[in-house]
Every structure is written in C-alpha cells, then in structure tokens.
Protein backbone atom coordinates (compact mmCIF):
# COMPACT_ATOMS: atom_id res chain seq x y z
CA MET A 1 0.00 0.00 0.00
CA GLU A 2 2.93 2.34 0.61
CA GLU A 3 3.70 2.36 -3.12
CA GLU A 4 0.03 3.02 -3.93
CA LEU A 5 -0.06 6.03 -1.58
CA ILE A 6 3.14 7.48 -3.04
CA ASN A 7 1.74 7.08 -6.57
CA LEU A 8 -1.45 8.90 -5.50
CA GLN A 9 0.64 11.77 -4.13
CA THR A 10 2.70 11.94 -7.34
CA ASN A 11 -0.39 11.96 -9.56
CA ALA A 12 -2.18 14.57 -7.46
CA SER A 13 0.87 16.84 -7.32
CA SER A 14 1.33 16.63 -11.11
CA LEU A 15 -2.31 17.55 -11.75
CA ILE A 16 -2.22 20.45 -9.27
CA ILE A 17 1.01 21.90 -10.66
CA SER A 18 -0.16 21.66 -14.28
CA THR A 19 -3.40 23.65 -13.86
CA ASP A 20 -4.17 27.30 -13.24
CA ASP A 21 -7.93 26.79 -13.14
CA ALA A 22 -9.85 27.08 -9.86
CA GLU A 23 -12.63 24.74 -11.00
CA GLU A 24 -10.12 22.06 -11.99
CA LEU A 25 -8.40 22.38 -8.61
CA GLU A 26 -11.70 21.78 -6.83
CA LYS A 27 -12.31 18.74 -9.02
CA ILE A 28 -8.85 17.41 -8.13
CA ARG A 29 -9.64 17.92 -4.45
CA GLU A 30 -12.87 15.94 -4.86
CA ASP A 31 -11.19 13.18 -6.87
CA PHE A 32 -8.54 12.57 -4.23
CA LEU A 33 -9.91 13.86 -0.92
CA GLY A 34 -13.69 13.71 -1.43
CA LYS A 35 -16.05 11.11 0.06
CA ASP A 36 -15.37 8.71 -2.80
CA GLY A 37 -11.87 10.04 -3.55
CA SER A 38 -8.99 7.66 -4.31
CA LEU A 39 -6.94 8.74 -1.26
CA THR A 40 -10.01 8.50 0.97
CA ASP A 41 -10.62 4.98 -0.29
CA ALA A 42 -7.03 4.00 0.42
CA ILE A 43 -7.26 5.38 3.97
CA LYS A 44 -10.41 3.29 4.60
CA ARG A 45 -8.49 0.13 3.63
CA ILE A 46 -5.69 0.71 6.16
CA GLY A 47 -7.77 -1.07 8.78
CA LYS A 48 -7.45 -4.32 6.82
CA LEU A 49 -3.64 -4.24 6.96
CA PRO A 50 -1.60 -6.27 9.49
CA GLN A 51 -1.56 -4.63 12.94
CA GLU A 52 2.18 -3.93 12.91
CA SER A 53 2.14 -1.95 9.64
CA ARG A 54 -0.96 0.18 10.28
CA PRO A 55 0.71 3.03 12.29
CA GLU A 56 3.40 3.68 9.67
CA ILE A 57 1.02 3.49 6.71
CA GLY A 58 -1.56 5.64 8.54
CA LYS A 59 1.06 8.31 9.25
CA LEU A 60 2.14 8.32 5.59
CA ALA A 61 -1.48 8.61 4.39
CA ASN A 62 -2.10 11.64 6.66
CA GLU A 63 1.09 13.31 5.47
CA ILE A 64 0.06 12.83 1.84
CA LYS A 65 -3.44 14.16 2.55
CA ASN A 66 -1.98 17.30 4.20
CA THR A 67 0.46 17.75 1.30
CA ILE A 68 -2.34 17.64 -1.29
CA GLU A 69 -4.45 20.08 0.70
CA ASP A 70 -1.51 22.46 1.12
CA LEU A 71 -0.68 22.33 -2.61
CA ILE A 72 -4.28 23.11 -3.60
CA SER A 73 -4.54 25.91 -1.03
CA HIS A 74 -1.27 27.46 -2.18
CA LYS A 75 -2.30 27.25 -5.84
CA LEU A 76 -5.68 28.88 -5.15
CA LYS A 77 -3.90 31.82 -3.49
CA SER A 78 -1.60 32.24 -6.49
CA LYS A 79 -2.07 35.41 -8.55
CA LYS A 80 -1.93 33.34 -11.75
CA ILE A 81 -5.01 31.30 -10.91
CA ASN A 82 -8.00 31.68 -13.22
CA THR A 83 -11.33 32.07 -11.40
CA GLY A 84 -14.83 32.40 -12.83
CA PRO A 85 -15.76 34.04 -16.12
CA ALA A 86 -12.54 36.03 -16.36
CA LYS A 87 -10.71 33.02 -17.65
CA ARG A 88 -13.16 32.64 -20.57
CA SER A 89 -12.53 36.22 -21.68
CA LYS A 90 -8.80 35.69 -21.96
CA LYS A 91 -7.69 36.13 -25.56
CA ILE A 92 -4.92 34.24 -27.23
CA ASP A 93 -3.00 35.84 -30.06
CA VAL A 94 -2.02 32.89 -32.23
CA THR A 95 0.37 35.05 -34.25
CA MET A 96 2.59 35.73 -31.23
CA PRO A 97 5.87 33.74 -31.24
CA GLY A 98 6.08 30.98 -28.63
CA GLN A 99 8.39 31.12 -25.64
CA ALA A 100 11.81 29.81 -26.61
CA LEU A 101 13.04 26.75 -24.74
CA PRO A 102 16.19 27.28 -22.69
CA LEU A 103 19.31 26.23 -24.58
CA GLY A 104 22.26 24.58 -22.95
CA HIS A 105 25.91 24.90 -23.93
CA LEU A 106 29.13 22.94 -23.68
CA HIS A 107 30.54 22.55 -20.18
CA LEU A 108 33.56 24.72 -19.38
CA ILE A 109 35.84 21.67 -19.28
CA THR A 110 34.62 20.50 -22.70
CA GLN A 111 35.28 24.00 -24.05
CA GLY A 112 38.79 23.81 -22.61
CA ILE A 113 39.46 20.41 -24.19
CA GLU A 114 38.32 21.66 -27.60
CA GLU A 115 40.52 24.75 -27.40
CA ILE A 116 43.56 22.76 -26.22
CA THR A 117 43.04 20.21 -29.01
CA ASN A 118 42.74 22.95 -31.60
CA ILE A 119 46.00 24.59 -30.48
CA PHE A 120 48.02 21.37 -30.77
CA GLU A 121 46.41 20.36 -34.06
CA HIS A 122 47.80 23.59 -35.54
CA ILE A 123 51.35 22.26 -34.99
CA GLY A 124 50.69 18.75 -36.29
CA PHE A 125 49.51 16.79 -33.24
CA THR A 126 46.90 14.08 -33.84
CA ARG A 127 44.17 13.57 -31.23
CA VAL A 128 43.86 9.98 -29.92
CA ARG A 129 41.98 8.28 -27.11
CA TYR A 130 42.78 5.22 -25.02
CA PRO A 131 40.98 3.19 -22.29
CA GLU A 132 39.99 4.68 -18.94
CA VAL A 133 40.09 1.21 -17.40
CA GLU A 134 43.66 0.08 -17.90
CA TRP A 135 46.12 -2.71 -17.05
CA ASP A 136 49.05 -2.30 -14.66
CA TRP A 137 51.50 -2.96 -17.52
CA TYR A 138 50.44 0.14 -19.44
CA ALA A 139 49.81 2.34 -16.38
CA PHE A 140 52.99 1.48 -14.46
CA THR A 141 55.34 -1.34 -15.45
CA ALA A 142 55.94 -0.32 -19.07
CA LEU A 143 56.41 3.27 -17.88
CA ASN A 144 59.42 2.22 -15.79
CA PHE A 145 57.67 2.19 -12.39
CA PRO A 146 59.27 -0.25 -9.90
CA GLU A 147 57.04 -2.69 -7.99
CA ASN A 148 57.29 -0.72 -4.73
CA HIS A 149 56.63 2.75 -6.20
CA PRO A 150 54.22 4.84 -4.04
CA ALA A 151 51.96 5.53 -7.04
CA ARG A 152 51.04 1.82 -7.04
CA ASP A 153 49.70 2.08 -3.50
CA ASP A 154 45.93 1.66 -3.13
CA TRP A 155 45.83 5.07 -1.41
CA GLU A 156 46.96 6.63 -4.67
CA THR A 157 45.42 4.46 -7.40
CA PHE A 158 41.95 2.93 -7.81
CA PHE A 159 42.35 -0.83 -8.35
CA VAL A 160 39.51 -2.76 -10.01
CA LYS A 161 38.37 -5.97 -8.31
CA GLU A 162 38.97 -8.22 -11.28
CA GLU A 163 41.15 -11.23 -12.09
CA PRO A 164 44.66 -10.00 -13.04
CA HIS A 165 45.69 -10.40 -16.67
CA PRO A 166 48.36 -13.14 -17.01
CA LYS A 167 50.70 -10.76 -18.82
CA ASN A 168 49.45 -7.23 -18.08
CA GLY A 169 48.78 -7.59 -14.35
CA GLN A 170 46.06 -5.93 -12.29
CA MET A 171 43.24 -3.81 -13.67
CA VAL A 172 43.15 -0.14 -12.60
CA LEU A 173 41.28 3.06 -13.34
CA THR A 174 43.95 4.82 -15.35
CA PRO A 175 45.80 7.26 -13.06
CA HIS A 176 47.33 9.23 -15.94
CA THR A 177 47.13 9.55 -19.70
CA SER A 178 50.77 8.40 -19.91
CA SER A 179 49.51 4.83 -20.35
CA GLY A 180 48.54 5.94 -23.86
CA GLN A 181 52.24 6.41 -24.70
CA ILE A 182 52.90 2.67 -24.77
CA ARG A 183 49.71 1.93 -26.71
CA GLU A 184 50.65 4.55 -29.30
CA MET A 185 54.18 3.18 -29.66
CA GLU A 186 52.83 -0.36 -30.08
CA LYS A 187 51.18 0.74 -33.33
CA GLY A 188 54.66 0.86 -34.85
CA GLU A 189 53.90 4.01 -36.84
CA LEU A 190 56.77 6.51 -36.69
CA PRO A 191 57.24 9.39 -36.28
CA ILE A 192 54.70 9.92 -33.45
CA LYS A 193 53.04 13.22 -32.68
CA MET A 194 50.01 12.42 -30.52
CA LEU A 195 47.70 14.26 -28.14
CA ASN A 196 45.77 11.97 -25.79
CA VAL A 197 42.92 13.59 -23.83
CA ALA A 198 41.10 11.42 -21.29
CA LYS A 199 39.64 11.10 -17.79
CA CYS A 200 42.02 10.04 -15.02
CA TYR A 201 41.37 8.81 -11.48
CA ARG A 202 43.35 9.37 -8.27
CA ARG A 203 42.46 9.40 -4.60
CA GLN A 204 42.93 13.15 -4.09
CA SER A 205 40.54 15.99 -3.33
CA ASP A 206 41.32 19.62 -2.41
CA VAL A 207 41.23 23.09 -4.01
CA SER A 208 43.43 21.91 -6.89
CA HIS A 209 42.62 18.16 -7.06
CA VAL A 210 39.53 16.04 -7.66
CA PRO A 211 39.25 12.19 -7.70
CA MET A 212 38.24 12.21 -11.38
CA PHE A 213 39.88 14.75 -13.65
CA HIS A 214 40.96 15.21 -17.26
CA GLN A 215 44.50 15.14 -18.58
CA PHE A 216 46.02 15.86 -21.96
CA GLU A 217 49.16 13.99 -22.87
CA GLY A 218 51.55 14.94 -25.62
CA LEU A 219 54.07 12.51 -27.08
CA VAL A 220 56.58 13.17 -29.84
CA VAL A 221 58.94 10.41 -31.02
CA GLY A 222 61.23 10.68 -34.01
CA GLU A 223 64.81 11.12 -35.09
CA ASN A 224 66.93 13.80 -33.36
CA ILE A 225 64.13 14.97 -31.03
CA SER A 226 65.58 17.11 -28.22
CA ILE A 227 64.67 19.28 -25.24
CA THR A 228 64.77 22.28 -27.60
CA HIS A 229 61.74 20.90 -29.40
CA LEU A 230 59.95 20.33 -26.07
CA LYS A 231 60.65 23.90 -24.97
CA GLY A 232 59.35 25.24 -28.28
CA VAL A 233 56.08 23.31 -27.99
CA LEU A 234 55.59 24.51 -24.40
CA ASP A 235 56.24 28.11 -25.39
CA TYR A 236 53.77 27.89 -28.28
CA PHE A 237 51.03 26.33 -26.15
CA PHE A 238 51.24 28.74 -23.21
CA LYS A 239 51.32 31.82 -25.40
CA SER A 240 48.37 30.52 -27.43
CA TYR A 241 46.26 29.46 -24.46
CA LEU A 242 47.19 31.86 -21.65
CA GLY A 243 48.39 34.90 -23.58
CA GLU A 244 51.67 36.66 -24.27
CA LYS A 245 51.89 38.27 -20.82
CA ARG A 246 51.92 35.07 -18.78
CA LYS A 247 55.19 33.52 -17.68
CA PHE A 248 56.06 29.86 -17.35
CA ARG A 249 59.14 28.04 -16.15
CA ILE A 250 60.55 24.53 -16.25
CA ARG A 251 62.44 23.15 -13.28
CA PRO A 252 64.27 19.85 -12.80
CA TYR A 253 62.21 17.07 -11.27
CA HIS A 254 61.99 13.28 -11.29
CA PHE A 255 59.47 11.15 -13.15
CA GLN A 256 59.90 7.43 -13.73
CA PHE A 257 59.07 7.62 -17.42
CA THR A 258 61.18 10.63 -18.50
CA GLU A 259 64.89 11.46 -18.19
CA PRO A 260 65.68 14.29 -17.83
CA SER A 261 62.36 15.34 -16.26
CA PHE A 262 60.81 18.73 -15.58
CA GLU A 263 57.83 20.19 -13.81
CA ILE A 264 56.06 23.06 -15.55
CA ASP A 265 54.95 26.10 -13.54
CA VAL A 266 52.95 29.07 -14.73
CA SER A 267 52.54 32.46 -13.07
CA CYS A 268 49.26 32.33 -11.13
CA GLY A 269 46.35 33.96 -12.94
CA VAL A 270 44.25 34.23 -9.76
CA CYS A 271 46.64 36.49 -7.82
CA ASN A 272 48.88 37.64 -10.71
CA GLY A 273 51.92 36.09 -9.07
CA ARG A 274 51.50 37.67 -5.61
CA GLY A 275 50.70 34.41 -3.81
CA CYS A 276 47.27 33.03 -2.79
CA LYS A 277 45.69 29.91 -1.26
CA LEU A 278 45.80 28.22 -4.65
CA CYS A 279 49.41 28.82 -5.70
CA LYS A 280 50.98 29.68 -2.30
CA ALA A 281 53.95 31.51 -3.84
CA GLY A 282 52.91 33.04 -7.16
CA TRP A 283 53.53 29.97 -9.34
CA LEU A 284 51.17 27.06 -9.97
CA GLU A 285 52.50 23.66 -10.99
CA LEU A 286 50.60 22.41 -14.04
CA GLY A 287 52.21 19.06 -14.70
CA GLY A 288 55.24 17.19 -15.87
CA ALA A 289 57.33 16.92 -19.00
CA GLY A 290 60.66 15.53 -20.15
CA MET A 291 62.53 13.33 -22.58
CA VAL A 292 61.01 9.86 -22.84
CA HIS A 293 63.05 7.37 -20.80
CA PRO A 294 64.89 4.79 -22.96
CA ASN A 295 63.25 1.96 -21.00
CA VAL A 296 59.82 3.29 -21.94
CA LEU A 297 60.80 3.49 -25.60
CA LYS A 298 62.07 -0.11 -25.45
CA ASN A 299 58.85 -1.30 -23.81
CA GLY A 300 56.95 0.37 -26.64
CA GLY A 301 59.06 -1.44 -29.24
CA ILE A 302 61.07 1.66 -30.30
CA ASP A 303 64.74 1.48 -31.37
CA THR A 304 66.46 3.79 -28.84
CA LYS A 305 69.60 4.02 -30.95
CA LYS A 306 67.69 5.67 -33.73
CA TYR A 307 64.77 7.46 -32.06
CA THR A 308 64.26 9.81 -29.13
CA GLY A 309 61.19 11.62 -27.90
CA PHE A 310 59.60 13.95 -25.38
CA ALA A 311 56.33 13.83 -23.49
CA PHE A 312 54.20 16.08 -21.30
CA GLY A 313 51.05 15.55 -19.29
CA TRP A 314 48.90 18.22 -17.63
CA GLY A 315 45.48 18.44 -16.06
CA VAL A 316 42.85 20.12 -18.22
CA GLU A 317 41.19 21.58 -15.12
CA ARG A 318 44.49 22.95 -13.81
CA VAL A 319 45.33 24.65 -17.09
CA LEU A 320 41.76 25.95 -17.28
CA MET A 321 42.11 27.52 -13.81
CA MET A 322 44.95 29.63 -15.14
CA LYS A 323 42.93 30.96 -18.07
CA GLU A 324 43.18 34.75 -18.30
CA ASP A 325 40.55 36.57 -16.16
CA LEU A 326 38.84 33.31 -15.12
CA ALA A 327 40.17 33.47 -11.52
CA LEU A 328 39.06 30.02 -10.32
CA GLU A 329 40.28 29.63 -6.74
CA ASP A 330 38.86 26.13 -6.21
CA LEU A 331 38.94 23.51 -8.95
CA ARG A 332 36.02 21.58 -7.41
CA ILE A 333 33.51 24.27 -8.43
CA LEU A 334 33.80 22.95 -12.00
CA TYR A 335 31.94 19.82 -10.86
CA SER A 336 29.47 21.50 -8.50
CA ASN A 337 26.59 21.71 -11.07
CA ASP A 338 25.89 25.22 -9.77
CA LEU A 339 24.02 26.91 -12.63
CA ARG A 340 24.88 30.37 -11.27
CA PHE A 341 28.50 29.51 -12.08
CA LEU A 342 28.08 27.37 -15.20
CA GLU A 343 25.74 29.77 -17.01
CA GLN A 344 28.49 32.41 -17.04
CA PHE A 345 30.33 30.39 -19.67
C-alpha cells in the first residue's frame, strides 16, 4: 500500500502543478480527498492491513493528505489562478511567437578540451583516445615504475576488483594519460606526434585536485628529437592558451618515465603572481614533462639508438584555472553543477 499512496501523491501533485484553473483544482480535491476520492478509499483500507504496519502506513497517508491540501490551497492563493468568467474572456493571439526553450551549452571543461586540441592540431599533433580502465602494464610497469613505487599504493590508485591479466597484471582506473604512450608506440607508426585527452582517477581531493579529472598527454617520437623541441612546444602552447603576458618556467624534477624530467609552472592567474591559497607563492604547478626514458621506448618497441622523444602531461582543469581573467580559486567548483556559475560560460 505504501507504493500506492506514493503514486497517489505523485499523480495529485502533477495535476495540481499543471493547472491554473480554480474549477479544476476543486475537481482534483474531490477526486482525491472527497467522500469517494482515491486517497479517501485507500485510507479506509488501512484497517485491513496487518496490525504492525498500520501506524506507519496511517502516518504516511495523513502526510500525503496534508500535502495535497496544502498544494491546492497554495495554488488557489496564487495570482496566476484563473477564477470564474474572467478566464473565458482571456484572448490568445495565435500570431505571437512561442516562448523559446532554454538552450544549454558545452561545459567549461569541454570547451577547454576543444581549445587545447585545436592549439596542438595547428602544430601537427593528432588527437587519440585510449581506455579509462587500464592494465598495470600500461599504467605502471611499461612506464618504468618499480614494484614498490608509491603511485602503485591503493591510497593513490583505484584498483579494479577483477582477475589479473596473465601478462598485463592488475586492472586499474587509469591514473594518468601516460599509459597511452605505450599503446601509441605499439602501433609501430613513426614518427609519433600524438595528443591523448582522457579522464584520469586518483584518490585526491582539495582546491586543486579532484578524484576524477581530465589530462592531456603529448608525445613526440622521431629522429633527433631534443629538449629544444619540447621547450618550443611549451612556449607555443602557453602563449596561445594563456596569452603573451603570462610567464612559465621549467624546473628539474623526477618522473619514472622521462629522463631528464621537468615540472612546468605558470605564473598564477588568480593572484597575478602575488601568492594566494591556490598557488601559495605566485607559481602554480601544471604538470610534468621531459625526454622519454629509454626503457619506456624499449617497452613500446622503439629502437632507442635511432629514435628519441619527449612527453608532457597536464590536467585540463588545472590549465583551465589559469585561463586569463577566469580566476578560479577552487577547482572543485567545475563539478558543482551550480548553474549560477556554469551559465556564465
């Protein structure tokens, strides 16, 4: 009977909300709450229920009855309600245009991905996409991660409860787009100039991290590729996306899959380099970059005596936060579904 009562409430509420006519409201009242009304009939049958369920069902029925009465009363007091003959004198101009339906638009992150993709396509990068549910081999082992590396801890990576692959190991939610490097190399098509954009998953959440985020990964492999080429690509991207005035820097770092490795920082667009809760000291770290480690090239089937390459991987949301005049102090607002924020873009 509980389901029957809830359905009665749903039906009554829908009818009340959809009408602006006083006579129809009174008819709805009679149909549900009158002497022979459907809700009244249901209340009469409560006495036939088992003793232990009567109190709970009776309480629910009374709540639904009060809700229907309140909805009708509120609607009758509304200024939009049509009462008496006045409603019949209302004229409709059939030549007037109808009210336009609200139109949505692409989410801010999707806009960011499209712009980033467009920038790299202008210098010859090809957009690719690889699995979000990945094997350990592609996510870690082939990328030169040792067995005891902290990134393989279950406090860092989401492991999928599935039988391990006999060759590729455990199944994971891909923690970075770098797994796409090996898959791209396995195609055996050289030179490589790829841009992989995908969702990634890590157990992190604060003003500049979320458990699910988007990364874009660049990989270039060919003959005589050097750090000079990497620096040129970085310079082109930041000037195209963030503007000529913004500064960026590369600083030595360590990543398992690149050697030498660098972290990329950009002058904070929220505080203009003064220091804030987001950047702390005027610079915001966007992600990593470096020359592809020879072991990674070997695992991808590349001849390291002939070919070299560079790679970079950054969070779409992080780069988006640094967009000129956007001033996003907390990355999590992008996923808040707050229309007051989203409708601005």
